[in-house]
Amino acid sequence: MDLPCSLDGSCREVVEIDALVRALGNLRHWSGTAASRSSYADDQGRRLFATAGRLREEAWIDSLAAAYRLFEIDAIHDSWIAAGGRPA
């Protein structure tokens, strides 16, 4: 039985799923870190909270980009329009 993708990551979907899982892991980590630092009141604590918040936003953007690539949003949208769907 031949597998459609090798396990070494040479298949586009495997690479993109891995990227999405990693991005979501980073989002979970930085969201938790930001939440735990939200109560810091001193100057250093506020800087730590701001940094965690910025990294959370970057992880959110990375997660959206990875999902966009994996699920081929442009292709789905183009097919929707071609099938007579309303443009957004």
Protein backbone atom coordinates (compact mmCIF):
# COMPACT_ATOMS: atom_id res chain seq x y z
CA MET A 1 0.00 0.00 0.00
CA ASP A 2 1.44 3.34 -1.06
CA LEU A 3 0.87 6.33 1.17
CA PRO A 4 -0.05 9.56 -0.62
CA CYS A 5 2.46 11.47 1.52
CA SER A 6 5.73 10.44 3.04
CA LEU A 7 6.17 10.73 6.78
CA ASP A 8 9.25 12.94 6.41
CA GLY A 9 7.11 16.03 5.82
CA SER A 10 7.46 16.24 2.05
CA CYS A 11 3.69 16.45 1.61
CA ARG A 12 2.28 20.00 1.55
CA GLU A 13 -0.56 19.15 3.91
CA VAL A 14 1.74 17.57 6.50
CA VAL A 15 3.96 20.64 6.53
CA GLU A 16 0.98 23.01 6.76
CA ILE A 17 -0.75 21.00 9.49
CA ASP A 18 2.49 21.03 11.49
CA ALA A 19 2.77 24.80 11.02
CA LEU A 20 -0.82 25.29 12.21
CA VAL A 21 -0.33 23.05 15.26
CA ARG A 22 2.84 24.93 16.21
CA ALA A 23 1.18 28.31 15.71
CA LEU A 24 -1.79 27.28 17.86
CA GLY A 25 0.59 26.00 20.54
CA ASN A 26 2.35 29.36 20.56
CA LEU A 27 -1.00 31.13 20.76
CA ARG A 28 -2.04 29.01 23.74
CA HIS A 29 1.30 29.64 25.46
CA TRP A 30 1.35 33.42 24.97
CA SER A 31 -2.34 33.77 25.83
CA GLY A 32 -1.72 32.01 29.13
CA THR A 33 1.41 34.03 29.77
CA ALA A 34 -0.36 37.31 29.07
CA ALA A 35 -3.26 36.31 31.32
CA SER A 36 -0.93 35.40 34.17
CA ARG A 37 0.93 38.71 33.85
CA SER A 38 -2.14 40.93 33.58
CA SER A 39 -2.18 41.61 37.31
CA TYR A 40 1.44 42.76 37.50
CA ALA A 41 1.45 46.30 38.84
CA ASP A 42 5.08 47.39 38.85
CA ASP A 43 6.92 48.85 35.86
CA GLN A 44 8.75 45.64 34.96
CA GLY A 45 5.51 43.68 35.30
CA ARG A 46 3.71 46.00 32.91
CA ARG A 47 6.54 45.60 30.38
CA LEU A 48 6.36 41.82 30.74
CA PHE A 49 2.60 41.95 30.22
CA ALA A 50 2.98 44.19 27.16
CA THR A 51 5.60 41.87 25.67
CA ALA A 52 3.44 38.80 26.27
CA GLY A 53 0.49 40.62 24.72
CA ARG A 54 2.52 41.53 21.64
CA LEU A 55 3.74 37.94 21.28
CA ARG A 56 0.15 36.72 21.71
CA GLU A 57 -0.93 38.98 18.84
CA GLU A 58 1.93 37.70 16.66
CA ALA A 59 0.95 34.11 17.47
CA TRP A 60 -2.67 34.92 16.57
CA ILE A 61 -1.56 36.31 13.20
CA ASP A 62 0.65 33.26 12.60
CA SER A 63 -2.27 30.95 13.45
CA LEU A 64 -4.59 32.71 11.03
CA ALA A 65 -1.96 32.67 8.28
CA ALA A 66 -1.28 28.95 8.81
CA ALA A 67 -5.00 28.12 8.73
CA TYR A 68 -5.43 30.27 5.64
CA ARG A 69 -2.66 28.37 3.84
CA LEU A 70 -3.84 24.94 5.00
CA PHE A 71 -7.47 25.38 4.08
CA GLU A 72 -6.75 27.28 0.85
CA ILE A 73 -9.21 30.03 1.66
CA ASP A 74 -8.67 31.82 -1.67
CA ALA A 75 -9.47 28.67 -3.64
CA ILE A 76 -12.59 28.01 -1.58
CA HIS A 77 -13.75 31.60 -2.05
CA ASP A 78 -13.03 31.53 -5.80
CA SER A 79 -15.00 28.28 -6.13
CA TRP A 80 -17.87 29.82 -4.18
CA ILE A 81 -17.98 32.83 -6.54
CA ALA A 82 -17.68 30.57 -9.62
CA ALA A 83 -20.64 28.54 -8.35
CA GLY A 84 -22.77 31.67 -8.21
CA GLY A 85 -22.26 32.60 -4.57
CA ARG A 86 -22.42 36.20 -3.45
CA PRO A 87 -19.10 38.01 -3.12
CA ALA A 88 -18.32 39.13 0.40
